[in-house]
């Protein structure tokens, strides 16, 4: 994870990982902005900005006065976009490093 990445995007990544992992399944209510801010030691406005990103992406829906809920298909959509981003942004660097170190995919299989 990039240490220069804005805090709201780091929070967004953590929440996305939790949705993908099933910690927040379809239909589940996300923690309130204040609760997540307190848990993460973050500014509530920063949490609200992360949540707004999910809302803009159509991954959550807001029920006024009730809370924010994960929409159907959010985990699969996140998984797909995360996979594409990994292959586009991270994998080329990993592959190059493996080549520099003389590692093959078979070498990686031996470590697990």
N, C-alpha and C. Protein backbone atom coordinates (compact mmCIF):
# COMPACT_ATOMS: atom_id res chain seq x y z
N UNK A 1 0.84 -1.19 0.00
CA UNK A 1 0.00 0.00 0.00
C UNK A 1 0.88 1.24 0.00
N UNK A 2 0.52 2.21 -0.79
CA UNK A 2 1.28 3.43 -0.95
C UNK A 2 1.12 4.33 0.27
N UNK A 3 2.23 4.64 0.98
CA UNK A 3 2.12 5.49 2.18
C UNK A 3 1.72 6.93 1.86
N UNK A 4 1.89 7.37 0.62
CA UNK A 4 1.51 8.73 0.23
C UNK A 4 0.05 8.83 -0.19
N UNK A 5 -0.65 7.72 -0.17
CA UNK A 5 -2.05 7.68 -0.57
C UNK A 5 -2.88 8.44 0.48
N UNK A 6 -3.86 9.25 0.04
CA UNK A 6 -4.69 9.99 1.00
C UNK A 6 -5.39 9.06 1.99
N UNK A 7 -5.60 9.55 3.21
CA UNK A 7 -6.19 8.75 4.28
C UNK A 7 -7.57 8.23 3.89
N UNK A 8 -8.38 9.05 3.22
CA UNK A 8 -9.73 8.60 2.88
C UNK A 8 -9.68 7.42 1.91
N UNK A 9 -8.66 7.38 1.03
CA UNK A 9 -8.53 6.25 0.12
C UNK A 9 -8.01 5.01 0.85
N UNK A 10 -7.17 5.21 1.85
CA UNK A 10 -6.72 4.07 2.67
C UNK A 10 -7.92 3.47 3.41
N UNK A 11 -8.76 4.33 3.96
CA UNK A 11 -9.98 3.86 4.64
C UNK A 11 -10.89 3.15 3.66
N UNK A 12 -11.03 3.71 2.47
CA UNK A 12 -11.86 3.10 1.43
C UNK A 12 -11.34 1.70 1.12
N UNK A 13 -10.02 1.56 1.01
CA UNK A 13 -9.42 0.25 0.74
C UNK A 13 -9.70 -0.75 1.86
N UNK A 14 -9.65 -0.29 3.10
CA UNK A 14 -9.93 -1.18 4.24
C UNK A 14 -11.38 -1.63 4.22
N UNK A 15 -12.29 -0.71 3.95
CA UNK A 15 -13.71 -1.05 3.91
C UNK A 15 -13.98 -1.98 2.73
N UNK A 16 -13.37 -1.70 1.58
CA UNK A 16 -13.53 -2.56 0.40
C UNK A 16 -13.06 -3.97 0.71
N UNK A 17 -11.92 -4.10 1.38
CA UNK A 17 -11.40 -5.41 1.75
C UNK A 17 -12.37 -6.14 2.67
N UNK A 18 -12.99 -5.40 3.59
CA UNK A 18 -13.96 -6.01 4.51
C UNK A 18 -15.22 -6.46 3.77
N UNK A 19 -15.65 -5.70 2.77
CA UNK A 19 -16.81 -6.10 1.97
C UNK A 19 -16.47 -7.36 1.17
N UNK A 20 -15.31 -7.37 0.53
CA UNK A 20 -14.89 -8.54 -0.25
C UNK A 20 -14.77 -9.77 0.64
N UNK A 21 -14.24 -9.59 1.84
CA UNK A 21 -14.04 -10.71 2.77
C UNK A 21 -15.35 -11.21 3.38
N UNK A 22 -16.42 -10.44 3.20
CA UNK A 22 -17.71 -10.84 3.76
C UNK A 22 -17.97 -10.32 5.15
N UNK A 23 -17.09 -9.46 5.65
CA UNK A 23 -17.33 -8.86 6.96
C UNK A 23 -18.57 -7.96 6.92
N UNK A 24 -18.81 -7.36 5.75
CA UNK A 24 -20.01 -6.57 5.50
C UNK A 24 -20.68 -7.18 4.26
N UNK A 25 -21.52 -8.20 4.45
CA UNK A 25 -22.16 -8.84 3.29
C UNK A 25 -23.25 -7.96 2.69
N UNK A 26 -23.78 -8.40 1.55
CA UNK A 26 -24.86 -7.68 0.90
C UNK A 26 -25.99 -7.43 1.88
N UNK A 27 -26.47 -6.21 1.90
CA UNK A 27 -27.57 -5.85 2.80
C UNK A 27 -27.13 -5.45 4.19
N UNK A 28 -25.85 -5.63 4.50
CA UNK A 28 -25.36 -5.29 5.84
C UNK A 28 -25.20 -3.78 5.96
N UNK A 29 -25.42 -3.29 7.17
CA UNK A 29 -25.24 -1.87 7.44
C UNK A 29 -23.77 -1.63 7.80
N UNK A 30 -23.20 -0.61 7.20
CA UNK A 30 -21.83 -0.21 7.55
C UNK A 30 -21.86 0.54 8.87
N UNK A 31 -20.73 0.56 9.58
CA UNK A 31 -20.68 1.35 10.81
C UNK A 31 -20.97 2.83 10.50
N UNK A 32 -21.51 3.52 11.46
CA UNK A 32 -21.75 4.95 11.27
C UNK A 32 -20.42 5.66 11.06
N UNK A 33 -20.50 6.85 10.47
CA UNK A 33 -19.30 7.64 10.24
C UNK A 33 -18.57 7.88 11.56
N UNK A 34 -19.31 8.25 12.58
CA UNK A 34 -18.68 8.53 13.88
C UNK A 34 -18.06 7.29 14.49
N UNK A 35 -18.76 6.16 14.39
CA UNK A 35 -18.24 4.92 14.98
C UNK A 35 -16.96 4.49 14.27
N UNK A 36 -16.94 4.54 12.95
CA UNK A 36 -15.74 4.14 12.22
C UNK A 36 -14.60 5.12 12.46
N UNK A 37 -14.92 6.40 12.54
CA UNK A 37 -13.89 7.41 12.81
C UNK A 37 -13.25 7.15 14.17
N UNK A 38 -14.07 6.85 15.17
CA UNK A 38 -13.53 6.58 16.51
C UNK A 38 -12.69 5.31 16.49
N UNK A 39 -13.16 4.28 15.80
CA UNK A 39 -12.44 3.00 15.72
C UNK A 39 -11.09 3.16 15.03
N UNK A 40 -11.06 3.97 13.96
CA UNK A 40 -9.84 4.13 13.17
C UNK A 40 -8.97 5.30 13.63
N UNK A 41 -9.47 6.10 14.55
CA UNK A 41 -8.72 7.27 14.98
C UNK A 41 -8.63 8.31 13.87
N UNK A 42 -9.70 8.39 13.07
CA UNK A 42 -9.72 9.29 11.92
C UNK A 42 -10.72 10.41 12.14
N UNK A 43 -10.59 11.43 11.34
CA UNK A 43 -11.53 12.54 11.35
C UNK A 43 -12.84 12.05 10.71
N UNK A 44 -13.99 12.36 11.31
CA UNK A 44 -15.27 11.95 10.72
C UNK A 44 -15.46 12.44 9.28
N UNK A 45 -14.93 13.60 8.94
CA UNK A 45 -15.04 14.09 7.57
C UNK A 45 -14.27 13.20 6.60
N UNK A 46 -13.16 12.64 7.06
CA UNK A 46 -12.37 11.74 6.23
C UNK A 46 -13.14 10.45 5.98
N UNK A 47 -13.78 9.93 7.02
CA UNK A 47 -14.60 8.72 6.87
C UNK A 47 -15.78 9.01 5.94
N UNK A 48 -16.40 10.15 6.11
CA UNK A 48 -17.53 10.52 5.26
C UNK A 48 -17.10 10.59 3.79
N UNK A 49 -15.90 11.07 3.54
CA UNK A 49 -15.38 11.15 2.17
C UNK A 49 -15.17 9.75 1.60
N UNK A 50 -14.66 8.83 2.41
CA UNK A 50 -14.48 7.44 1.96
C UNK A 50 -15.84 6.81 1.65
N UNK A 51 -16.80 7.01 2.53
CA UNK A 51 -18.15 6.49 2.31
C UNK A 51 -18.78 7.10 1.06
N UNK A 52 -18.54 8.39 0.84
CA UNK A 52 -19.09 9.05 -0.34
C UNK A 52 -18.57 8.39 -1.61
N UNK A 53 -17.32 7.96 -1.59
CA UNK A 53 -16.75 7.28 -2.76
C UNK A 53 -17.52 5.99 -3.06
N UNK A 54 -17.87 5.23 -2.02
CA UNK A 54 -18.66 4.01 -2.21
C UNK A 54 -20.04 4.35 -2.76
N UNK A 55 -20.61 5.42 -2.25
CA UNK A 55 -21.94 5.83 -2.72
C UNK A 55 -21.87 6.26 -4.19
N UNK A 56 -20.85 7.02 -4.55
CA UNK A 56 -20.66 7.45 -5.94
C UNK A 56 -20.49 6.26 -6.88
N UNK A 57 -19.82 5.21 -6.38
CA UNK A 57 -19.56 4.01 -7.19
C UNK A 57 -20.75 3.06 -7.20
N UNK A 58 -21.82 3.40 -6.47
CA UNK A 58 -23.02 2.57 -6.46
C UNK A 58 -22.85 1.27 -5.68
N UNK A 59 -21.94 1.26 -4.72
CA UNK A 59 -21.67 0.05 -3.94
C UNK A 59 -22.44 0.02 -2.62
N UNK A 60 -22.92 1.18 -2.20
CA UNK A 60 -23.73 1.27 -1.00
C UNK A 60 -24.92 2.17 -1.29
N UNK A 61 -25.95 2.01 -0.48
CA UNK A 61 -27.10 2.91 -0.59
C UNK A 61 -27.39 3.47 0.78
N UNK A 62 -27.84 4.70 0.80
CA UNK A 62 -28.13 5.39 2.05
C UNK A 62 -29.63 5.36 2.29
N UNK A 63 -29.99 4.96 3.49
CA UNK A 63 -31.37 5.08 3.92
C UNK A 63 -31.37 6.19 4.96
N UNK A 64 -31.87 7.32 4.55
CA UNK A 64 -31.85 8.52 5.40
C UNK A 64 -32.36 8.23 6.81
N UNK A 65 -31.56 8.65 7.77
CA UNK A 65 -31.93 8.49 9.16
C UNK A 65 -31.72 7.10 9.71
N UNK A 66 -31.30 6.16 8.84
CA UNK A 66 -31.11 4.78 9.27
C UNK A 66 -29.65 4.38 9.17
N UNK A 67 -29.08 4.48 7.96
CA UNK A 67 -27.70 4.11 7.77
C UNK A 67 -27.35 3.84 6.33
N UNK A 68 -26.16 3.31 6.15
CA UNK A 68 -25.63 3.01 4.83
C UNK A 68 -25.49 1.50 4.70
N UNK A 69 -26.01 0.95 3.60
CA UNK A 69 -26.06 -0.49 3.41
C UNK A 69 -25.32 -0.92 2.15
N UNK A 70 -24.68 -2.09 2.23
CA UNK A 70 -23.97 -2.67 1.09
C UNK A 70 -25.01 -3.20 0.10
N UNK A 71 -24.88 -2.83 -1.17
CA UNK A 71 -25.85 -3.25 -2.18
C UNK A 71 -25.50 -4.64 -2.71
N UNK A 72 -26.48 -5.25 -3.33
CA UNK A 72 -26.30 -6.57 -3.94
C UNK A 72 -25.22 -6.49 -5.03
N UNK A 73 -24.31 -7.43 -5.00
CA UNK A 73 -23.26 -7.51 -6.01
C UNK A 73 -22.04 -6.65 -5.73
N UNK A 74 -22.05 -5.93 -4.60
CA UNK A 74 -20.93 -5.03 -4.30
C UNK A 74 -19.61 -5.78 -4.15
N UNK A 75 -19.62 -6.91 -3.47
CA UNK A 75 -18.38 -7.66 -3.24
C UNK A 75 -17.79 -8.12 -4.57
N UNK A 76 -18.62 -8.64 -5.45
CA UNK A 76 -18.10 -9.12 -6.73
C UNK A 76 -17.61 -7.96 -7.59
N UNK A 77 -18.31 -6.84 -7.57
CA UNK A 77 -17.85 -5.68 -8.33
C UNK A 77 -16.52 -5.16 -7.79
N UNK A 78 -16.40 -5.11 -6.46
CA UNK A 78 -15.14 -4.68 -5.86
C UNK A 78 -14.02 -5.66 -6.19
N UNK A 79 -14.30 -6.94 -6.09
CA UNK A 79 -13.30 -7.97 -6.39
C UNK A 79 -12.80 -7.80 -7.82
N UNK A 80 -13.72 -7.57 -8.73
CA UNK A 80 -13.37 -7.41 -10.14
C UNK A 80 -12.50 -6.17 -10.36
N UNK A 81 -12.89 -5.04 -9.79
CA UNK A 81 -12.11 -3.82 -9.99
C UNK A 81 -10.76 -3.90 -9.28
N UNK A 82 -10.72 -4.54 -8.11
CA UNK A 82 -9.46 -4.72 -7.39
C UNK A 82 -8.52 -5.63 -8.19
N UNK A 83 -9.08 -6.67 -8.78
CA UNK A 83 -8.28 -7.60 -9.60
C UNK A 83 -7.68 -6.86 -10.79
N UNK A 84 -8.52 -6.08 -11.48
CA UNK A 84 -8.03 -5.31 -12.63
C UNK A 84 -6.94 -4.33 -12.23
N UNK A 85 -7.13 -3.64 -11.11
CA UNK A 85 -6.13 -2.68 -10.64
C UNK A 85 -4.83 -3.40 -10.28
N UNK A 86 -4.94 -4.57 -9.64
CA UNK A 86 -3.74 -5.33 -9.29
C UNK A 86 -2.96 -5.71 -10.54
N UNK A 87 -3.66 -6.25 -11.53
CA UNK A 87 -2.99 -6.70 -12.75
C UNK A 87 -2.38 -5.53 -13.53
N UNK A 88 -3.03 -4.39 -13.48
CA UNK A 88 -2.57 -3.22 -14.23
C UNK A 88 -1.45 -2.47 -13.49
N UNK A 89 -1.58 -2.35 -12.15
CA UNK A 89 -0.68 -1.47 -11.41
C UNK A 89 0.39 -2.20 -10.61
N UNK A 90 0.04 -3.29 -9.96
CA UNK A 90 0.98 -3.94 -9.05
C UNK A 90 1.73 -5.11 -9.68
N UNK A 91 1.02 -5.94 -10.45
CA UNK A 91 1.63 -7.14 -10.99
C UNK A 91 2.86 -6.87 -11.85
N UNK A 92 2.85 -5.87 -12.75
CA UNK A 92 4.06 -5.64 -13.56
C UNK A 92 5.31 -5.39 -12.71
N UNK A 93 5.14 -4.64 -11.62
CA UNK A 93 6.28 -4.38 -10.73
C UNK A 93 6.73 -5.66 -10.02
N UNK A 94 5.77 -6.46 -9.59
CA UNK A 94 6.10 -7.72 -8.92
C UNK A 94 6.81 -8.65 -9.89
N UNK A 95 6.28 -8.75 -11.11
CA UNK A 95 6.89 -9.62 -12.13
C UNK A 95 8.33 -9.19 -12.42
N UNK A 96 8.55 -7.88 -12.55
CA UNK A 96 9.90 -7.37 -12.80
C UNK A 96 10.84 -7.71 -11.64
N UNK A 97 10.34 -7.57 -10.43
CA UNK A 97 11.18 -7.89 -9.26
C UNK A 97 11.51 -9.37 -9.22
N UNK A 98 10.53 -10.21 -9.54
CA UNK A 98 10.78 -11.65 -9.59
C UNK A 98 11.87 -11.96 -10.61
N UNK A 99 11.80 -11.31 -11.77
CA UNK A 99 12.81 -11.54 -12.80
C UNK A 99 14.19 -11.10 -12.32
N UNK A 100 14.27 -9.95 -11.65
CA UNK A 100 15.56 -9.46 -11.13
C UNK A 100 16.14 -10.43 -10.12
N UNK A 101 15.27 -11.05 -9.33
CA UNK A 101 15.72 -11.97 -8.28
C UNK A 101 15.87 -13.40 -8.78
N UNK A 102 15.50 -13.63 -10.02
CA UNK A 102 15.61 -14.97 -10.58
C UNK A 102 14.58 -15.94 -10.01
N UNK A 103 13.42 -15.42 -9.65
CA UNK A 103 12.34 -16.26 -9.10
C UNK A 103 11.37 -16.65 -10.19
N UNK A 104 10.89 -17.86 -10.11
CA UNK A 104 9.85 -18.33 -11.03
C UNK A 104 8.57 -18.59 -10.24
N UNK A 105 7.44 -18.70 -10.93
CA UNK A 105 6.20 -19.04 -10.21
C UNK A 105 6.33 -20.33 -9.41
N UNK A 106 7.10 -21.27 -9.90
CA UNK A 106 7.32 -22.53 -9.16
C UNK A 106 8.02 -22.26 -7.83
N UNK A 107 8.94 -21.31 -7.80
CA UNK A 107 9.63 -20.95 -6.55
C UNK A 107 8.63 -20.42 -5.52
N UNK A 108 7.66 -19.67 -5.98
CA UNK A 108 6.65 -19.12 -5.08
C UNK A 108 5.77 -20.24 -4.51
N UNK A 109 5.48 -21.23 -5.33
CA UNK A 109 4.64 -22.34 -4.87
C UNK A 109 5.32 -23.12 -3.75
N UNK A 110 6.64 -23.12 -3.74
CA UNK A 110 7.38 -23.86 -2.71
C UNK A 110 7.33 -23.17 -1.36
N UNK A 111 6.99 -21.88 -1.32
CA UNK A 111 7.01 -21.14 -0.05
C UNK A 111 5.71 -21.25 0.72
N UNK A 112 4.67 -21.78 0.11
CA UNK A 112 3.38 -21.81 0.83
C UNK A 112 3.10 -23.10 1.50
